[in-house]
Structures are given as C-alpha cells and as structure tokens.
Amino acid sequence: MDDVPELIKKLETQMKEAAKNLEFEEAAKLRDRIKYLRDKLVGNRE
C-alpha cells in the first residue's frame, strides 16, 4: 500500500497527457482508477 501514492502520481501524469492528446475516454478511465485508489487509500470502500 506504500506505493499507491506513487502510482496515483504516475496515473495523473498519464491522465493529463491523454487529455492533452484529446483522448478523453482514456483520460476518464484513468481518472476513475485514480479515484478508486484514493478512496481505497483513505479506507472508503464501495
């Protein structure tokens, strides 16, 4: 679980790059994955 913040940073970079390249569906998938990881990190589970 210690590597989750680093993974989130990498995914955020990929998400921004995808949006810049007008790959909005990919950016949205990455956004959703980031949200899931952040929720998991703070203990929110759905």
PDB file of N, CA and C in Angstrom:
ATOM      1  N   MET A   1       0.823  -1.200   0.000  1.00  0.00           N
ATOM      2  CA  MET A   1       0.000   0.000   0.000  1.00  0.00           C
ATOM      3  C   MET A   1       0.863   1.259   0.000  1.00  0.00           C
ATOM      4  N   ASP A   2       2.137   1.136   0.334  1.00  0.00           N
ATOM      5  CA  ASP A   2       3.032   2.292   0.360  1.00  0.00           C
ATOM      6  C   ASP A   2       3.274   2.865  -1.025  1.00  0.00           C
ATOM      7  N   ASP A   3       3.159   2.047  -2.055  1.00  0.00           N
ATOM      8  CA  ASP A   3       3.427   2.506  -3.411  1.00  0.00           C
ATOM      9  C   ASP A   3       2.200   3.129  -4.079  1.00  0.00           C
ATOM     10  N   VAL A   4       1.064   3.149  -3.413  1.00  0.00           N
ATOM     11  CA  VAL A   4      -0.163   3.700  -4.009  1.00  0.00           C
ATOM     12  C   VAL A   4      -0.027   5.186  -4.330  1.00  0.00           C
ATOM     13  N   PRO A   5       0.503   6.029  -3.433  1.00  0.00           N
ATOM     14  CA  PRO A   5       0.641   7.446  -3.797  1.00  0.00           C
ATOM     15  C   PRO A   5       1.519   7.656  -5.040  1.00  0.00           C
ATOM     16  N   GLU A   6       2.561   6.878  -5.171  1.00  0.00           N
ATOM     17  CA  GLU A   6       3.425   6.975  -6.350  1.00  0.00           C
ATOM     18  C   GLU A   6       2.667   6.543  -7.601  1.00  0.00           C
ATOM     19  N   LEU A   7       1.890   5.493  -7.493  1.00  0.00           N
ATOM     20  CA  LEU A   7       1.080   5.025  -8.614  1.00  0.00           C
ATOM     21  C   LEU A   7       0.070   6.098  -9.020  1.00  0.00           C
ATOM     22  N   ILE A   8      -0.550   6.737  -8.042  1.00  0.00           N
ATOM     23  CA  ILE A   8      -1.509   7.806  -8.327  1.00  0.00           C
ATOM     24  C   ILE A   8      -0.828   8.931  -9.101  1.00  0.00           C
ATOM     25  N   LYS A   9       0.381   9.310  -8.703  1.00  0.00           N
ATOM     26  CA  LYS A   9       1.109  10.366  -9.412  1.00  0.00           C
ATOM     27  C   LYS A   9       1.359   9.976 -10.871  1.00  0.00           C
ATOM     28  N   LYS A  10       1.755   8.739 -11.089  1.00  0.00           N
ATOM     29  CA  LYS A  10       2.007   8.273 -12.457  1.00  0.00           C
ATOM     30  C   LYS A  10       0.722   8.280 -13.283  1.00  0.00           C
ATOM     31  N   LEU A  11      -0.368   7.826 -12.675  1.00  0.00           N
ATOM     32  CA  LEU A  11      -1.654   7.808 -13.384  1.00  0.00           C
ATOM     33  C   LEU A  11      -2.135   9.219 -13.694  1.00  0.00           C
ATOM     34  N   GLU A  12      -1.902  10.158 -12.765  1.00  0.00           N
ATOM     35  CA  GLU A  12      -2.294  11.550 -13.016  1.00  0.00           C
ATOM     36  C   GLU A  12      -1.534  12.114 -14.210  1.00  0.00           C
ATOM     37  N   THR A  13      -0.250  11.802 -14.297  1.00  0.00           N
ATOM     38  CA  THR A  13       0.551  12.252 -15.433  1.00  0.00           C
ATOM     39  C   THR A  13       0.013  11.667 -16.730  1.00  0.00           C
ATOM     40  N   GLN A  14      -0.305  10.368 -16.709  1.00  0.00           N
ATOM     41  CA  GLN A  14      -0.860   9.716 -17.899  1.00  0.00           C
ATOM     42  C   GLN A  14      -2.215  10.314 -18.266  1.00  0.00           C
ATOM     43  N   MET A  15      -3.035  10.624 -17.252  1.00  0.00           N
ATOM     44  CA  MET A  15      -4.350  11.195 -17.493  1.00  0.00           C
ATOM     45  C   MET A  15      -4.223  12.566 -18.162  1.00  0.00           C
ATOM     46  N   LYS A  16      -3.324  13.396 -17.662  1.00  0.00           N
ATOM     47  CA  LYS A  16      -3.129  14.731 -18.238  1.00  0.00           C
ATOM     48  C   LYS A  16      -2.618  14.637 -19.673  1.00  0.00           C
ATOM     49  N   GLU A  17      -1.724  13.708 -19.927  1.00  0.00           N
ATOM     50  CA  GLU A  17      -1.195  13.512 -21.272  1.00  0.00           C
ATOM     51  C   GLU A  17      -2.303  13.047 -22.219  1.00  0.00           C
ATOM     52  N   ALA A  18      -3.133  12.139 -21.757  1.00  0.00           N
ATOM     53  CA  ALA A  18      -4.240  11.647 -22.580  1.00  0.00           C
ATOM     54  C   ALA A  18      -5.204  12.788 -22.910  1.00  0.00           C
ATOM     55  N   ALA A  19      -5.517  13.617 -21.937  1.00  0.00           N
ATOM     56  CA  ALA A  19      -6.418  14.740 -22.180  1.00  0.00           C
ATOM     57  C   ALA A  19      -5.798  15.727 -23.163  1.00  0.00           C
ATOM     58  N   LYS A  20      -4.504  15.963 -23.023  1.00  0.00           N
ATOM     59  CA  LYS A  20      -3.804  16.872 -23.926  1.00  0.00           C
ATOM     60  C   LYS A  20      -3.864  16.370 -25.366  1.00  0.00           C
ATOM     61  N   ASN A  21      -3.839  15.053 -25.506  1.00  0.00           N
ATOM     62  CA  ASN A  21      -3.897  14.423 -26.833  1.00  0.00           C
ATOM     63  C   ASN A  21      -5.329  14.159 -27.286  1.00  0.00           C
ATOM     64  N   LEU A  22      -6.280  14.747 -26.571  1.00  0.00           N
ATOM     65  CA  LEU A  22      -7.708  14.621 -26.899  1.00  0.00           C
ATOM     66  C   LEU A  22      -8.216  13.181 -26.801  1.00  0.00           C
ATOM     67  N   GLU A  23      -7.581  12.387 -25.960  1.00  0.00           N
ATOM     68  CA  GLU A  23      -8.004  11.004 -25.708  1.00  0.00           C
ATOM     69  C   GLU A  23      -8.835  11.005 -24.424  1.00  0.00           C
ATOM     70  N   PHE A  24     -10.034  11.563 -24.555  1.00  0.00           N
ATOM     71  CA  PHE A  24     -10.844  11.817 -23.366  1.00  0.00           C
ATOM     72  C   PHE A  24     -11.374  10.548 -22.719  1.00  0.00           C
ATOM     73  N   GLU A  25     -11.658   9.525 -23.499  1.00  0.00           N
ATOM     74  CA  GLU A  25     -12.134   8.277 -22.892  1.00  0.00           C
ATOM     75  C   GLU A  25     -11.039   7.647 -22.040  1.00  0.00           C
ATOM     76  N   GLU A  26      -9.812   7.655 -22.541  1.00  0.00           N
ATOM     77  CA  GLU A  26      -8.685   7.116 -21.777  1.00  0.00           C
ATOM     78  C   GLU A  26      -8.456   7.956 -20.519  1.00  0.00           C
ATOM     79  N   ALA A  27      -8.530   9.272 -20.659  1.00  0.00           N
ATOM     80  CA  ALA A  27      -8.354  10.159 -19.503  1.00  0.00           C
ATOM     81  C   ALA A  27      -9.420   9.882 -18.441  1.00  0.00           C
ATOM     82  N   ALA A  28     -10.645   9.638 -18.874  1.00  0.00           N
ATOM     83  CA  ALA A  28     -11.726   9.345 -17.922  1.00  0.00           C
ATOM     84  C   ALA A  28     -11.491   8.022 -17.208  1.00  0.00           C
ATOM     85  N   LYS A  29     -11.002   7.025 -17.926  1.00  0.00           N
ATOM     86  CA  LYS A  29     -10.694   5.731 -17.289  1.00  0.00           C
ATOM     87  C   LYS A  29      -9.612   5.908 -16.233  1.00  0.00           C
ATOM     88  N   LEU A  30      -8.591   6.677 -16.570  1.00  0.00           N
ATOM     89  CA  LEU A  30      -7.510   6.919 -15.612  1.00  0.00           C
ATOM     90  C   LEU A  30      -8.025   7.704 -14.407  1.00  0.00           C
ATOM     91  N   ARG A  31      -8.899   8.696 -14.644  1.00  0.00           N
ATOM     92  CA  ARG A  31      -9.491   9.476 -13.557  1.00  0.00           C
ATOM     93  C   ARG A  31     -10.254   8.558 -12.602  1.00  0.00           C
ATOM     94  N   ASP A  32     -11.030   7.638 -13.177  1.00  0.00           N
ATOM     95  CA  ASP A  32     -11.805   6.721 -12.340  1.00  0.00           C
ATOM     96  C   ASP A  32     -10.901   5.805 -11.528  1.00  0.00           C
ATOM     97  N   ARG A  33      -9.810   5.360 -12.140  1.00  0.00           N
ATOM     98  CA  ARG A  33      -8.867   4.489 -11.424  1.00  0.00           C
ATOM     99  C   ARG A  33      -8.190   5.260 -10.285  1.00  0.00           C
ATOM    100  N   ILE A  34      -7.846   6.521 -10.551  1.00  0.00           N
ATOM    101  CA  ILE A  34      -7.236   7.360  -9.512  1.00  0.00           C
ATOM    102  C   ILE A  34      -8.208   7.529  -8.352  1.00  0.00           C
ATOM    103  N   LYS A  35      -9.468   7.806  -8.647  1.00  0.00           N
ATOM    104  CA  LYS A  35     -10.478   7.971  -7.592  1.00  0.00           C
ATOM    105  C   LYS A  35     -10.591   6.696  -6.768  1.00  0.00           C
ATOM    106  N   TYR A  36     -10.638   5.540  -7.451  1.00  0.00           N
ATOM    107  CA  TYR A  36     -10.730   4.265  -6.744  1.00  0.00           C
ATOM    108  C   TYR A  36      -9.540   4.086  -5.799  1.00  0.00           C
ATOM    109  N   LEU A  37      -8.342   4.369  -6.292  1.00  0.00           N
ATOM    110  CA  LEU A  37      -7.148   4.189  -5.466  1.00  0.00           C
ATOM    111  C   LEU A  37      -7.133   5.151  -4.286  1.00  0.00           C
ATOM    112  N   ARG A  38      -7.545   6.393  -4.524  1.00  0.00           N
ATOM    113  CA  ARG A  38      -7.589   7.358  -3.415  1.00  0.00           C
ATOM    114  C   ARG A  38      -8.600   6.929  -2.359  1.00  0.00           C
ATOM    115  N   ASP A  39      -9.763   6.475  -2.809  1.00  0.00           N
ATOM    116  CA  ASP A  39     -10.780   6.011  -1.859  1.00  0.00           C
ATOM    117  C   ASP A  39     -10.259   4.825  -1.053  1.00  0.00           C
ATOM    118  N   LYS A  40      -9.587   3.919  -1.728  1.00  0.00           N
ATOM    119  CA  LYS A  40      -9.044   2.737  -1.064  1.00  0.00           C
ATOM    120  C   LYS A  40      -7.961   3.151  -0.052  1.00  0.00           C
ATOM    121  N   LEU A  41      -7.182   4.138  -0.427  1.00  0.00           N
ATOM    122  CA  LEU A  41      -6.094   4.612   0.428  1.00  0.00           C
ATOM    123  C   LEU A  41      -6.624   5.182   1.736  1.00  0.00           C
ATOM    124  N   VAL A  42      -7.745   5.899   1.684  1.00  0.00           N
ATOM    125  CA  VAL A  42      -8.302   6.501   2.905  1.00  0.00           C
ATOM    126  C   VAL A  42      -9.330   5.616   3.583  1.00  0.00           C
ATOM    127  N   GLY A  43      -9.583   4.449   3.010  1.00  0.00           N
ATOM    128  CA  GLY A  43     -10.448   3.485   3.670  1.00  0.00           C
ATOM    129  C   GLY A  43     -11.890   3.492   3.237  1.00  0.00           C
ATOM    130  N   ASN A  44     -12.241   4.284   2.223  1.00  0.00           N
ATOM    131  CA  ASN A  44     -13.602   4.269   1.702  1.00  0.00           C
ATOM    132  C   ASN A  44     -13.733   3.105   0.729  1.00  0.00           C
ATOM    133  N   ARG A  45     -14.681   2.242   0.988  1.00  0.00           N
ATOM    134  CA  ARG A  45     -14.871   1.087   0.102  1.00  0.00           C
ATOM    135  C   ARG A  45     -16.302   1.056  -0.378  1.00  0.00           C
ATOM    136  N   GLU A  46     -16.451   0.785  -1.671  1.00  0.00           N
ATOM    137  CA  GLU A  46     -17.804   0.691  -2.228  1.00  0.00           C
ATOM    138  C   GLU A  46     -18.085  -0.721  -2.623  1.00  0.00           C
TER     139      GLU A  46
END
